N, C-alpha and C. Protein backbone atom coordinates (compact mmCIF):
# COMPACT_ATOMS: atom_id res chain seq x y z
N UNK A 1 -9.53 15.14 -5.95
CA UNK A 1 -9.45 14.33 -6.43
C UNK A 1 -10.05 13.11 -6.01
N UNK A 2 -10.73 12.27 -6.99
CA UNK A 2 -11.19 11.00 -6.37
C UNK A 2 -10.45 10.01 -5.60
N UNK A 3 -10.89 10.08 -4.42
CA UNK A 3 -10.10 8.34 -3.73
C UNK A 3 -9.46 7.32 -5.00
N UNK A 4 -8.81 6.48 -4.65
CA UNK A 4 -8.37 5.37 -5.26
C UNK A 4 -8.33 4.51 -4.36
N UNK A 5 -8.81 2.95 -5.11
CA UNK A 5 -8.90 1.78 -4.53
C UNK A 5 -7.88 0.90 -4.86
N UNK A 6 -7.26 0.19 -3.74
CA UNK A 6 -5.88 -0.81 -4.36
C UNK A 6 -6.40 -2.03 -3.64
N UNK A 7 -7.14 -3.06 -4.31
CA UNK A 7 -7.34 -4.62 -3.59
C UNK A 7 -5.95 -4.84 -3.01
N UNK A 8 -5.98 -5.53 -2.21
CA UNK A 8 -4.94 -6.10 -1.57
C UNK A 8 -4.96 -7.50 -2.17
N UNK A 9 -3.68 -8.26 -2.92
CA UNK A 9 -4.09 -9.74 -3.23
C UNK A 9 -3.76 -10.66 -2.16
N UNK A 10 -3.01 -10.30 -1.42
CA UNK A 10 -2.43 -11.26 -0.16
C UNK A 10 -4.09 -11.48 0.58
N UNK A 11 -5.18 -11.30 0.63
CA UNK A 11 -6.51 -11.75 0.59
C UNK A 11 -7.15 -12.61 0.04
N UNK A 12 -6.61 -12.61 -1.33
CA UNK A 12 -7.15 -13.23 -2.34
C UNK A 12 -6.82 -15.05 -2.42
N UNK A 13 -7.67 -15.71 -3.06
CA UNK A 13 -7.43 -17.35 -3.17
C UNK A 13 -6.25 -17.77 -3.78
N UNK A 14 -4.88 -18.32 -3.00
CA UNK A 14 -3.63 -18.44 -4.07
C UNK A 14 -4.17 -19.28 -4.70
N UNK A 15 -5.11 -20.24 -4.31
CA UNK A 15 -4.84 -21.47 -5.35
C UNK A 15 -5.62 -20.86 -6.71
N UNK A 16 -6.46 -19.59 -6.77
CA UNK A 16 -6.37 -19.45 -8.48
C UNK A 16 -6.53 -17.62 -7.97
N UNK A 17 -5.07 -17.40 -8.23
CA UNK A 17 -4.71 -15.98 -8.76
C UNK A 17 -5.12 -15.43 -9.15
N UNK A 18 -4.99 -16.30 -10.66
CA UNK A 18 -5.39 -15.42 -11.92
C UNK A 18 -7.05 -15.21 -12.46
N UNK A 19 -7.94 -16.02 -11.44
CA UNK A 19 -9.03 -15.34 -11.60
C UNK A 19 -9.26 -14.07 -10.38
N UNK A 20 -8.76 -14.15 -9.25
CA UNK A 20 -9.01 -12.70 -8.61
C UNK A 20 -7.88 -11.63 -9.65
N UNK A 21 -7.08 -11.91 -9.91
CA UNK A 21 -6.08 -10.48 -10.50
C UNK A 21 -7.68 -10.22 -11.85
N UNK A 22 -8.19 -11.20 -12.59
CA UNK A 22 -8.58 -11.00 -13.64
C UNK A 22 -9.91 -10.05 -13.03
N UNK A 23 -10.33 -10.46 -12.15
CA UNK A 23 -11.61 -9.92 -11.18
C UNK A 23 -11.19 -8.04 -11.21
N UNK A 24 -10.03 -8.31 -10.43
CA UNK A 24 -9.90 -6.88 -10.50
C UNK A 24 -9.45 -6.05 -11.41
N UNK A 25 -9.14 -6.68 -12.69
CA UNK A 25 -8.74 -5.95 -13.90
C UNK A 25 -10.31 -5.22 -14.12
N UNK A 26 -11.25 -6.31 -14.02
CA UNK A 26 -12.61 -5.96 -14.90
C UNK A 26 -13.20 -4.66 -13.78
N UNK A 27 -12.80 -4.60 -12.83
CA UNK A 27 -13.19 -3.88 -11.70
C UNK A 27 -13.31 -2.64 -11.57
N UNK A 28 -13.51 -1.56 -10.67
CA UNK A 28 -13.19 -0.35 -10.61
C UNK A 28 -12.45 0.28 -9.69
N UNK A 29 -11.22 -1.09 -9.33
CA UNK A 29 -9.89 -0.65 -8.85
C UNK A 29 -9.15 0.16 -9.53
N UNK A 30 -8.21 0.97 -8.70
CA UNK A 30 -7.27 2.11 -9.37
C UNK A 30 -5.58 1.29 -9.54
N UNK A 31 -5.41 0.12 -8.45
CA UNK A 31 -4.26 -0.45 -8.11
C UNK A 31 -4.30 -1.80 -7.82
N UNK A 32 -3.04 -2.54 -7.82
CA UNK A 32 -3.37 -3.84 -7.34
C UNK A 32 -2.01 -3.81 -6.40
N UNK A 33 -2.54 -4.22 -5.02
CA UNK A 33 -1.66 -4.27 -3.87
C UNK A 33 -1.05 -5.22 -3.38
N UNK A 34 0.11 -5.24 -3.40
CA UNK A 34 1.04 -6.39 -3.12
C UNK A 34 2.08 -6.25 -2.15
N UNK A 35 1.55 -7.22 -1.51
CA UNK A 35 2.52 -7.16 0.13
C UNK A 35 3.76 -8.12 0.31
N UNK A 36 5.23 -8.06 -0.10
CA UNK A 36 5.99 -8.96 0.07
C UNK A 36 6.76 -8.73 1.58
N UNK A 37 6.27 -9.81 1.66
CA UNK A 37 6.89 -10.46 3.00
C UNK A 37 8.37 -11.56 3.15
N UNK A 38 9.23 -10.95 3.98
CA UNK A 38 10.62 -11.85 4.25
C UNK A 38 10.40 -12.70 5.72
N UNK A 39 9.67 -12.69 6.38
CA UNK A 39 9.42 -13.53 7.43
C UNK A 39 10.50 -13.10 8.77
N UNK A 40 11.29 -12.00 8.44
CA UNK A 40 12.32 -11.21 9.32
C UNK A 40 11.75 -9.73 9.85
N UNK A 41 11.46 -9.25 8.69
CA UNK A 41 10.89 -7.80 9.63
C UNK A 41 9.23 -8.22 9.48
N UNK A 42 8.76 -8.62 9.27
CA UNK A 42 7.31 -8.90 9.79
C UNK A 42 6.92 -10.95 9.81
N UNK A 43 6.48 -11.65 11.07
CA UNK A 43 6.30 -12.39 10.99
C UNK A 43 5.58 -13.35 10.20
N UNK A 44 6.17 -13.38 8.95
CA UNK A 44 5.27 -14.27 8.16
C UNK A 44 5.82 -13.95 6.85
N UNK A 45 5.60 -14.83 5.56
CA UNK A 45 6.35 -14.88 4.57
C UNK A 45 4.65 -14.91 3.30
N UNK A 46 5.39 -14.06 2.06
CA UNK A 46 4.04 -14.19 1.23
C UNK A 46 4.55 -14.54 -0.02
N UNK A 47 4.63 -13.58 -0.89
CA UNK A 47 5.42 -14.23 -2.41
C UNK A 47 6.50 -13.37 -2.68
N UNK A 48 7.16 -14.24 -3.81
CA UNK A 48 8.40 -13.18 -4.15
C UNK A 48 8.73 -13.05 -5.54
N UNK A 49 9.32 -12.76 -6.40
CA UNK A 49 9.50 -12.25 -7.67
C UNK A 49 9.17 -13.20 -8.32
N UNK A 50 9.11 -14.25 -8.45
CA UNK A 50 8.70 -15.41 -9.54
C UNK A 50 7.28 -15.22 -10.01
N UNK A 51 6.66 -15.06 -8.71
CA UNK A 51 5.06 -14.62 -8.75
C UNK A 51 4.53 -13.44 -9.03
N UNK A 52 5.53 -12.64 -8.41
CA UNK A 52 5.10 -10.84 -9.04
C UNK A 52 5.46 -11.19 -10.62
N UNK A 53 6.21 -11.53 -11.23
CA UNK A 53 6.33 -11.48 -12.87
C UNK A 53 4.80 -12.00 -13.07
N UNK A 54 4.51 -13.09 -12.56
CA UNK A 54 2.99 -13.70 -13.39
C UNK A 54 2.29 -13.14 -12.69
N UNK A 55 1.90 -12.12 -11.64
CA UNK A 55 1.26 -11.36 -11.48
C UNK A 55 0.63 -10.13 -12.50
N UNK A 56 2.44 -10.16 -13.03
CA UNK A 56 2.13 -8.71 -13.56
C UNK A 56 1.74 -8.84 -15.27
N UNK A 57 1.95 -10.02 -15.75
CA UNK A 57 1.50 -10.64 -16.87
C UNK A 57 0.27 -10.64 -17.02
N UNK A 58 -0.83 -10.56 -16.15
CA UNK A 58 -1.82 -10.86 -16.02
C UNK A 58 -2.76 -9.42 -15.65
N UNK A 59 -2.00 -8.35 -14.68
CA UNK A 59 -2.96 -7.52 -14.34
C UNK A 59 -2.42 -6.52 -15.28
N UNK A 60 -3.56 -5.45 -15.36
CA UNK A 60 -3.87 -4.64 -15.96
C UNK A 60 -3.86 -3.39 -15.39
N UNK A 61 -3.66 -3.41 -13.96
CA UNK A 61 -4.19 -1.98 -13.19
C UNK A 61 -2.33 -2.30 -12.87
N UNK A 62 -1.82 -0.66 -12.57
CA UNK A 62 -0.74 -0.57 -11.74
C UNK A 62 -0.52 -1.45 -10.53
N UNK A 63 1.03 -1.82 -10.49
CA UNK A 63 1.27 -2.62 -9.31
C UNK A 63 1.93 -1.79 -8.18
N UNK A 64 0.71 -1.64 -7.13
CA UNK A 64 1.65 -0.79 -5.72
C UNK A 64 2.05 -1.88 -4.83
N UNK A 65 3.28 -2.12 -5.12
CA UNK A 65 4.46 -3.27 -4.24
C UNK A 65 4.76 -2.31 -3.10
N UNK A 66 4.05 -3.19 -1.51
CA UNK A 66 4.75 -2.90 -0.53
C UNK A 66 5.58 -3.85 0.67
N UNK A 67 6.95 -3.30 0.42
CA UNK A 67 8.06 -4.35 1.07
C UNK A 67 7.84 -4.68 2.49
N UNK A 68 7.14 -5.45 2.57
CA UNK A 68 7.96 -5.74 4.52
C UNK A 68 9.09 -6.45 4.69
N UNK A 69 9.74 -5.77 4.30
CA UNK A 69 11.31 -6.47 4.35
C UNK A 69 12.69 -5.96 5.00
N UNK A 70 13.50 -6.24 5.27
CA UNK A 70 14.94 -5.33 5.78
C UNK A 70 15.34 -5.47 4.31
N UNK A 71 16.22 -4.71 4.66
CA UNK A 71 17.15 -3.89 3.38
C UNK A 71 16.39 -3.79 1.78
N UNK A 72 15.32 -3.12 1.46
CA UNK A 72 14.55 -3.19 0.46
C UNK A 72 15.13 -2.68 -0.67
N UNK A 73 16.25 -1.93 -0.33
CA UNK A 73 17.07 -0.82 -1.31
C UNK A 73 18.12 -1.66 -1.95
N UNK A 74 17.81 -3.17 -1.89
CA UNK A 74 19.28 -4.33 -2.33
C UNK A 74 17.96 -4.76 -3.39
N UNK A 75 16.67 -4.32 -3.61
CA UNK A 75 15.51 -5.31 -4.64
C UNK A 75 15.30 -4.03 -5.31
N UNK A 76 15.67 -2.79 -5.22
CA UNK A 76 15.12 -1.96 -6.20
C UNK A 76 14.94 -2.43 -7.67
N UNK A 77 16.07 -2.91 -7.99
CA UNK A 77 16.39 -3.69 -9.93
C UNK A 77 15.12 -4.79 -9.81
N UNK A 78 14.94 -5.64 -8.91
CA UNK A 78 13.76 -6.57 -9.06
C UNK A 78 12.65 -6.00 -9.33
N UNK A 79 12.15 -4.87 -8.45
CA UNK A 79 11.01 -4.30 -8.13
C UNK A 79 10.69 -3.73 -10.06
N UNK A 80 11.71 -2.87 -9.65
CA UNK A 80 11.53 -2.75 -11.70
C UNK A 80 11.36 -3.49 -12.47
N UNK A 81 12.34 -4.49 -12.63
CA UNK A 81 11.65 -5.48 -13.32
C UNK A 81 10.37 -6.28 -13.59
N UNK A 82 9.89 -5.94 -12.55
CA UNK A 82 8.34 -6.78 -12.78
C UNK A 82 7.83 -5.52 -12.87
N UNK A 83 7.97 -4.31 -13.17
CA UNK A 83 7.24 -3.90 -13.67
C UNK A 83 6.43 -3.17 -12.54
N UNK A 84 7.03 -2.83 -11.63
CA UNK A 84 6.10 -2.08 -10.74
C UNK A 84 5.96 -0.51 -10.95
N UNK A 85 4.65 -0.07 -10.22
CA UNK A 85 4.71 1.44 -10.92
C UNK A 85 4.98 2.03 -9.53
N UNK A 86 5.15 1.41 -7.93
CA UNK A 86 5.21 2.15 -6.96
C UNK A 86 5.96 1.23 -6.11
N UNK A 87 7.00 1.63 -5.42
CA UNK A 87 7.54 0.71 -4.48
C UNK A 87 7.54 1.63 -3.53
N UNK A 88 7.18 0.58 -2.20
CA UNK A 88 6.80 1.30 -0.72
C UNK A 88 7.82 0.35 -0.28
N UNK A 89 8.70 1.35 0.50
CA UNK A 89 9.58 0.92 2.12
C UNK A 89 8.81 1.29 3.15
N UNK A 90 9.83 0.53 4.18
CA UNK A 90 9.22 0.81 5.48
C UNK A 90 10.07 1.41 6.20
N UNK A 91 9.67 2.82 6.79
CA UNK A 91 10.50 3.77 7.60
C UNK A 91 11.36 3.16 8.38
N UNK A 92 10.87 1.88 9.19
CA UNK A 92 11.53 1.09 10.14
C UNK A 92 12.59 0.32 9.47
N UNK A 93 13.03 0.21 8.23
CA UNK A 93 13.90 -0.46 7.59
C UNK A 93 14.84 0.17 6.58
N UNK A 94 15.11 1.14 6.67
CA UNK A 94 15.88 2.25 5.78
C UNK A 94 16.83 3.00 6.67
N UNK A 95 17.61 2.57 7.08
CA UNK A 95 19.05 3.22 7.72
C UNK A 95 18.93 4.79 7.20
N UNK A 96 19.28 4.72 5.26
CA UNK A 96 19.66 5.66 4.73
C UNK A 96 18.29 5.89 3.59
N UNK A 97 16.88 6.08 4.35
CA UNK A 97 15.91 6.43 3.40
C UNK A 97 15.90 7.34 2.10
N UNK A 98 16.71 8.52 2.28
CA UNK A 98 16.57 9.14 1.62
C UNK A 98 17.30 8.60 0.36
N UNK A 99 18.48 8.07 0.57
CA UNK A 99 18.93 7.45 -0.56
C UNK A 99 18.36 6.11 -1.38
N UNK A 100 17.39 5.91 -0.66
CA UNK A 100 16.38 4.48 -1.11
C UNK A 100 15.32 5.21 -2.15
N UNK A 101 14.75 6.37 -1.86
CA UNK A 101 13.93 7.02 -2.36
C UNK A 101 14.83 7.44 -3.51
N UNK A 102 15.20 7.77 -3.57
CA UNK A 102 16.12 8.71 -4.69
C UNK A 102 16.24 7.77 -5.73
N UNK A 103 16.74 6.57 -5.09
CA UNK A 103 17.02 5.54 -6.04
C UNK A 103 16.12 4.96 -6.59
N UNK A 104 14.68 4.59 -5.85
CA UNK A 104 13.47 4.14 -6.42
C UNK A 104 13.22 4.88 -7.84
N UNK A 105 13.11 6.29 -7.34
CA UNK A 105 12.95 7.37 -8.53
C UNK A 105 13.65 7.30 -9.33
N UNK A 106 14.93 7.22 -9.37
CA UNK A 106 16.28 6.88 -10.24
C UNK A 106 15.72 5.76 -11.39
N UNK A 107 15.27 4.88 -10.80
CA UNK A 107 14.90 3.94 -11.42
C UNK A 107 13.10 3.76 -12.20
N UNK A 108 12.88 5.00 -12.32
CA UNK A 108 11.59 5.17 -13.01
C UNK A 108 10.62 4.87 -12.32
N UNK A 109 10.16 4.72 -10.85
CA UNK A 109 9.04 4.00 -10.38
C UNK A 109 8.92 5.25 -9.27
N UNK A 110 7.81 5.56 -8.78
CA UNK A 110 7.51 6.02 -7.67
C UNK A 110 7.62 5.56 -6.30
N UNK A 111 7.68 6.68 -5.22
CA UNK A 111 8.61 6.14 -4.23
C UNK A 111 7.47 6.28 -3.10
N UNK A 112 6.96 5.45 -2.54
CA UNK A 112 6.29 5.37 -1.24
C UNK A 112 7.14 4.31 0.45
N UNK A 113 6.45 5.68 1.22
CA UNK A 113 7.28 5.57 2.62
C UNK A 113 6.01 4.56 3.49
N UNK A 114 6.22 3.94 4.08
CA UNK A 114 5.06 3.29 5.09
C UNK A 114 5.64 3.26 6.57
N UNK A 115 4.41 3.81 7.16
CA UNK A 115 4.87 3.89 8.43
C UNK A 115 4.33 2.68 9.66
N UNK A 116 4.74 2.03 10.55
CA UNK A 116 3.84 1.19 11.62
C UNK A 116 3.35 1.58 12.36
N UNK A 117 2.52 1.23 13.21
CA UNK A 117 1.46 1.91 13.75
C UNK A 117 1.94 2.44 15.16
N UNK A 118 3.21 2.08 15.23
CA UNK A 118 3.91 3.00 16.62
C UNK A 118 4.77 3.98 16.00
N UNK A 119 5.16 4.16 14.72
CA UNK A 119 6.00 5.14 14.13
C UNK A 119 5.00 6.48 13.90
N UNK A 120 5.64 7.51 14.30
CA UNK A 120 5.12 8.44 14.80
C UNK A 120 5.33 9.49 13.12
N UNK A 121 4.31 10.23 12.68
CA UNK A 121 4.29 10.79 11.48
C UNK A 121 5.29 12.14 11.67
N UNK A 122 5.36 12.61 12.80
CA UNK A 122 6.72 13.73 13.07
C UNK A 122 7.99 13.13 12.45
N UNK A 123 8.19 11.90 12.46
CA UNK A 123 9.12 11.70 11.56
C UNK A 123 9.91 11.27 10.35
N UNK A 124 8.74 11.93 9.65
CA UNK A 124 8.98 12.26 7.89
C UNK A 124 8.78 13.51 7.82
N UNK A 125 9.01 14.49 8.93
CA UNK A 125 9.42 15.99 8.60
C UNK A 125 10.07 16.37 6.97
N UNK A 126 11.30 15.98 7.09
CA UNK A 126 12.55 15.92 6.51
C UNK A 126 12.47 15.23 5.12
N UNK A 127 11.17 14.28 5.01
CA UNK A 127 11.65 13.72 3.68
C UNK A 127 10.06 13.32 2.96
N UNK A 128 9.15 13.96 3.79
CA UNK A 128 7.63 14.11 2.89
C UNK A 128 7.45 14.73 1.70
N UNK A 129 8.10 15.54 1.74
CA UNK A 129 8.26 16.09 0.48
C UNK A 129 8.91 15.80 -0.89
N UNK A 130 9.66 14.82 -0.65
CA UNK A 130 10.50 13.95 -1.22
C UNK A 130 10.02 12.58 -1.80
N UNK A 131 9.00 12.20 -1.35
CA UNK A 131 8.08 10.74 -1.81
C UNK A 131 6.82 10.98 -2.33
N UNK A 132 6.15 10.34 -3.28
CA UNK A 132 5.09 10.55 -3.84
C UNK A 132 3.86 10.56 -2.89
N UNK A 133 4.17 8.99 -1.88
CA UNK A 133 3.43 8.41 -1.02
C UNK A 133 3.60 8.25 0.66
N UNK A 134 2.68 8.14 1.41
CA UNK A 134 2.93 7.68 2.72
C UNK A 134 1.93 6.85 2.74
N UNK A 135 1.95 5.54 3.03
CA UNK A 135 1.45 4.67 3.66
C UNK A 135 1.16 4.32 5.24
N UNK A 136 0.01 4.78 5.55
CA UNK A 136 -0.07 4.30 7.27
C UNK A 136 -0.40 3.04 7.40
N UNK A 137 0.12 2.40 7.96
CA UNK A 137 -0.49 0.80 8.61
C UNK A 137 -1.45 1.15 9.83
N UNK A 138 -3.03 0.64 9.51
CA UNK A 138 -4.15 0.56 10.43
C UNK A 138 -4.15 -0.63 11.13
N UNK A 139 -2.98 -1.58 11.04
CA UNK A 139 -2.82 -2.45 11.72
C UNK A 139 -1.34 -3.15 11.77
N UNK A 140 -0.86 -4.04 12.64
CA UNK A 140 0.70 -4.62 12.67
C UNK A 140 0.71 -4.76 11.35
N UNK A 141 1.82 -4.94 10.52
CA UNK A 141 2.09 -5.83 9.31
C UNK A 141 2.13 -7.18 9.86
N UNK A 142 2.21 -7.69 8.35
CA UNK A 142 2.55 -9.07 8.48
C UNK A 142 1.03 -10.11 8.19
N UNK A 143 0.10 -9.82 8.89
CA UNK A 143 -1.11 -10.64 8.62
C UNK A 143 -2.38 -10.25 8.13
N UNK A 144 -3.10 -11.00 7.21
CA UNK A 144 -4.77 -9.63 6.70
C UNK A 144 -5.97 -9.93 7.97
N UNK A 145 -6.93 -9.58 7.64
CA UNK A 145 -7.99 -9.68 8.58
C UNK A 145 -7.77 -9.43 10.13
N UNK A 146 -7.03 -8.20 10.24
CA UNK A 146 -7.10 -7.69 11.73
C UNK A 146 -7.61 -6.65 11.74
N UNK A 147 -7.85 -6.08 13.15
CA UNK A 147 -9.02 -5.03 13.58
C UNK A 147 -8.45 -3.64 13.26
N UNK A 148 -9.03 -2.76 12.97
CA UNK A 148 -8.87 -1.56 12.46
C UNK A 148 -7.93 -0.74 13.76
N UNK A 149 -7.27 0.06 13.54
CA UNK A 149 -6.61 0.47 15.09
C UNK A 149 -7.19 2.30 15.05
N UNK A 150 -7.77 2.37 15.83
CA UNK A 150 -8.68 3.82 15.84
C UNK A 150 -7.84 5.30 15.69
N UNK A 151 -6.69 4.91 16.39
CA UNK A 151 -5.60 6.20 16.36
C UNK A 151 -5.11 6.30 14.83
N UNK A 152 -5.54 5.78 13.94
CA UNK A 152 -4.77 5.65 12.63
C UNK A 152 -5.20 7.06 11.97
N UNK A 153 -6.14 7.21 12.87
CA UNK A 153 -7.45 8.73 12.12
C UNK A 153 -6.48 9.75 12.43
N UNK A 154 -6.12 9.80 13.56
CA UNK A 154 -5.69 11.13 14.04
C UNK A 154 -3.98 11.11 13.18
N UNK A 155 -3.61 10.11 13.25
CA UNK A 155 -2.17 10.03 11.93
C UNK A 155 -2.51 10.32 11.00
N UNK A 156 -3.28 10.31 10.26
CA UNK A 156 -3.66 10.56 9.10
C UNK A 156 -4.11 12.45 8.95
N UNK A 157 -4.75 12.80 10.13
CA UNK A 157 -5.26 14.12 10.14
C UNK A 157 -3.60 14.70 9.81
N UNK A 158 -2.58 14.49 10.96
CA UNK A 158 -1.60 15.03 11.21
C UNK A 158 -0.78 15.20 10.05
N UNK A 159 -0.42 14.02 9.57
CA UNK A 159 -0.05 13.87 8.03
C UNK A 159 0.00 14.97 7.15
N UNK A 160 -1.77 14.94 7.09
CA UNK A 160 -2.25 15.55 6.25
C UNK A 160 -1.89 16.80 6.21
N UNK A 161 -2.11 17.66 7.47
CA UNK A 161 -1.36 18.81 7.92
C UNK A 161 0.27 19.54 7.43
N UNK A 162 0.91 18.24 7.89
CA UNK A 162 2.03 18.33 7.51
C UNK A 162 2.52 18.46 5.94
N UNK A 163 1.92 17.84 5.04
CA UNK A 163 1.77 17.77 3.56
C UNK A 163 1.18 19.19 3.03
N UNK A 164 0.36 19.33 3.70
CA UNK A 164 -0.19 20.80 3.08
C UNK A 164 0.34 21.84 3.59
N UNK A 165 1.10 22.06 4.84
CA UNK A 165 1.77 22.92 5.58
C UNK A 165 3.27 23.21 4.38
N UNK A 166 3.47 21.70 3.99
CA UNK A 166 5.06 22.03 2.88
C UNK A 166 4.35 22.28 1.65
N UNK A 167 3.31 22.63 1.03
CA UNK A 167 2.86 22.37 -0.06
C UNK A 167 3.37 21.16 -0.95
N UNK A 168 3.41 20.19 -0.41
CA UNK A 168 3.73 18.66 -1.07
C UNK A 168 2.67 17.89 -1.98
N UNK A 169 3.06 17.51 -2.69
CA UNK A 169 1.99 16.51 -3.72
C UNK A 169 1.76 15.26 -3.09
N UNK A 170 2.36 14.75 -1.77
CA UNK A 170 2.04 13.39 -1.50
C UNK A 170 0.95 12.88 -1.02
N UNK A 171 0.65 11.46 -1.49
CA UNK A 171 -0.50 11.01 -1.84
C UNK A 171 -0.24 10.47 -0.18
N UNK A 172 -1.70 10.23 0.53
CA UNK A 172 -1.55 9.05 1.78
C UNK A 172 -2.58 8.03 1.48
N UNK A 173 -1.94 7.05 1.61
CA UNK A 173 -2.52 5.40 1.33
C UNK A 173 -2.34 5.01 3.02
N UNK A 174 -3.63 3.97 3.07
CA UNK A 174 -3.83 3.63 4.72
C UNK A 174 -4.43 2.04 4.04
N UNK A 175 -3.68 1.01 5.11
CA UNK A 175 -3.51 0.08 4.82
C UNK A 175 -3.87 -1.00 6.37
N UNK A 176 -4.96 -1.69 6.25
CA UNK A 176 -5.64 -2.42 7.93
C UNK A 176 -6.70 -1.96 7.70
N UNK A 177 -7.52 -3.14 8.00
CA UNK A 177 -8.81 -3.11 8.47
C UNK A 177 -10.01 -2.58 7.56
N UNK A 178 -9.32 -2.11 6.51
CA UNK A 178 -10.11 -1.28 5.80
C UNK A 178 -11.40 -1.63 5.24
N UNK A 179 -12.70 -1.31 5.38
CA UNK A 179 -14.11 -1.84 5.19
C UNK A 179 -14.63 -0.55 4.50
N UNK A 180 -16.02 -0.30 4.41
CA UNK A 180 -17.46 0.15 4.62
C UNK A 180 -17.33 1.86 5.40
N UNK A 181 -16.85 1.16 6.46
CA UNK A 181 -17.23 2.07 7.63
C UNK A 181 -15.55 2.87 8.01
N UNK A 182 -14.43 1.99 8.43
CA UNK A 182 -13.50 2.37 8.13
C UNK A 182 -12.79 3.52 7.16
N UNK A 183 -12.96 2.72 6.10
CA UNK A 183 -12.77 3.49 4.72
C UNK A 183 -13.42 5.04 5.06
N UNK A 184 -14.63 5.22 5.25
CA UNK A 184 -15.36 6.45 5.74
C UNK A 184 -14.05 7.39 6.73
N UNK A 185 -14.11 6.73 7.16
CA UNK A 185 -13.32 7.57 8.30
C UNK A 185 -11.88 7.88 7.92
N UNK A 186 -11.57 7.11 7.21
CA UNK A 186 -10.03 7.44 7.27
C UNK A 186 -9.72 8.69 5.80
N UNK A 187 -10.96 8.75 4.84
CA UNK A 187 -11.07 9.89 3.72
C UNK A 187 -11.42 10.95 4.31
N UNK A 188 -12.37 11.14 5.61
CA UNK A 188 -12.70 12.14 6.18
C UNK A 188 -11.29 12.62 6.97
N UNK A 189 -10.45 11.99 7.35
CA UNK A 189 -9.14 12.58 7.74
C UNK A 189 -8.34 13.15 7.09
N UNK A 190 -8.45 12.53 5.64
CA UNK A 190 -7.61 12.62 4.77
C UNK A 190 -6.78 12.08 3.61
N UNK A 191 -7.16 10.46 4.05
CA UNK A 191 -6.38 9.68 2.87
C UNK A 191 -7.02 9.83 1.44
N UNK A 192 -6.09 9.41 0.65
CA UNK A 192 -6.39 9.58 -0.86
C UNK A 192 -6.70 7.75 -1.53
N UNK A 193 -5.92 6.92 -1.19
CA UNK A 193 -5.84 5.76 -1.41
C UNK A 193 -6.41 4.26 -0.06
N UNK A 194 -7.00 3.34 -0.49
CA UNK A 194 -7.62 2.65 0.26
C UNK A 194 -7.17 1.49 -0.04
N UNK A 195 -6.15 0.57 0.93
CA UNK A 195 -5.69 -0.40 0.64
C UNK A 195 -7.06 -1.34 1.35
N UNK A 196 -7.77 -2.49 0.42
CA UNK A 196 -8.75 -3.25 1.18
C UNK A 196 -8.63 -4.99 1.09
N UNK A 197 -8.65 -6.00 1.76
CA UNK A 197 -8.16 -7.18 1.33
C UNK A 197 -9.35 -8.02 1.45
N UNK A 198 -9.58 -8.05 3.05
CA UNK A 198 -10.73 -9.10 3.57
C UNK A 198 -11.99 -8.49 2.96
N UNK A 199 -12.34 -7.61 3.38
CA UNK A 199 -13.33 -6.92 2.75
C UNK A 199 -14.20 -6.76 1.39
N UNK A 200 -12.72 -7.16 0.61
CA UNK A 200 -13.07 -7.20 -0.79
C UNK A 200 -13.37 -8.96 -1.29
N UNK A 201 -12.16 -9.67 -0.81
CA UNK A 201 -11.88 -10.86 -1.32
C UNK A 201 -13.18 -11.65 -0.33
N UNK A 202 -13.25 -11.52 0.77
CA UNK A 202 -14.17 -12.73 1.41
C UNK A 202 -15.43 -12.22 1.21
N UNK A 203 -16.44 -11.37 0.20
CA UNK A 203 -17.22 -10.89 -0.11
C UNK A 203 -17.78 -11.92 -1.34
N UNK A 204 -19.32 -11.84 -1.40
CA UNK A 204 -19.62 -12.86 -2.55
C UNK A 204 -19.66 -12.15 -3.57
N UNK A 205 -19.43 -10.72 -3.81
CA UNK A 205 -19.47 -10.34 -4.95
C UNK A 205 -18.18 -8.90 -4.90
N UNK A 206 -16.94 -9.56 -4.62
CA UNK A 206 -16.25 -8.82 -4.77
C UNK A 206 -16.18 -7.31 -5.47
N UNK A 207 -16.08 -7.41 -6.70
CA UNK A 207 -16.13 -6.07 -7.72
C UNK A 207 -17.43 -5.45 -7.11
N UNK A 208 -18.50 -5.54 -6.70
CA UNK A 208 -19.30 -4.51 -6.02
C UNK A 208 -18.74 -4.13 -4.67
N UNK A 209 -18.25 -4.87 -3.99
CA UNK A 209 -17.65 -3.93 -2.90
C UNK A 209 -16.41 -2.92 -3.41
N UNK A 210 -15.86 -3.30 -4.53
CA UNK A 210 -14.73 -2.49 -4.68
C UNK A 210 -15.59 -1.05 -5.36
N UNK A 211 -16.53 -1.54 -6.06
CA UNK A 211 -17.26 -0.28 -6.32
C UNK A 211 -17.97 0.83 -5.01
N UNK A 212 -18.60 -0.22 -4.26
CA UNK A 212 -18.77 0.76 -2.93
C UNK A 212 -17.74 1.66 -2.48
N UNK A 213 -16.74 0.87 -2.05
CA UNK A 213 -15.23 1.54 -1.69
C UNK A 213 -14.98 2.86 -2.03
N UNK A 214 -15.43 2.85 -3.72
CA UNK A 214 -14.99 3.94 -4.74
C UNK A 214 -15.93 5.18 -4.64
N UNK A 215 -16.98 4.37 -4.08
CA UNK A 215 -18.39 5.71 -3.83
C UNK A 215 -18.28 6.11 -2.46
N UNK A 216 -17.34 5.91 -1.67
CA UNK A 216 -17.57 6.15 -0.47
C UNK A 216 -17.04 7.87 -0.20
């Protein structure tokens, strides 16, 4: 399977979101990654449901919605309502993770689970076969533009081994400090989807960077 690229809208120019979304539409990107932050679970606030609805109206790419919020199970209906393809929740915020995953799927979305840098992959042993994707955070969540945590490649390898051992179809997504160099490292370790923000939106030719990431 060819790996997927999911540009992170968090790194786009918020003063001209329409242009950023239209660029992604025209690019070789596979998904559009949206980080929802509540200022509680992570020390930052991004955008809420009114902005998400606007994004959905413009985007032609599937929406990969990453909820960096407490109690994400409360917002399953809202996320479905804005037409998300993937609803991704943090392991660290879900007391009843299996129930949350079941409800996401019952609402017609793909279910993803995210691990913070300090959270071991082994904690997914009993749930990995029930989720469509696991997102490995290769930076601490909450801000864009951070340096890639090198230990992330080892976590990806361990997770890949677990997925293969269980004969699961779970995809591995990686988010944080992804560029042409780190992107190659995580793909070699077993990643399937690269989330990239600054590496795409801070370049003079974002579409060309997406194309380069796609051909790694």
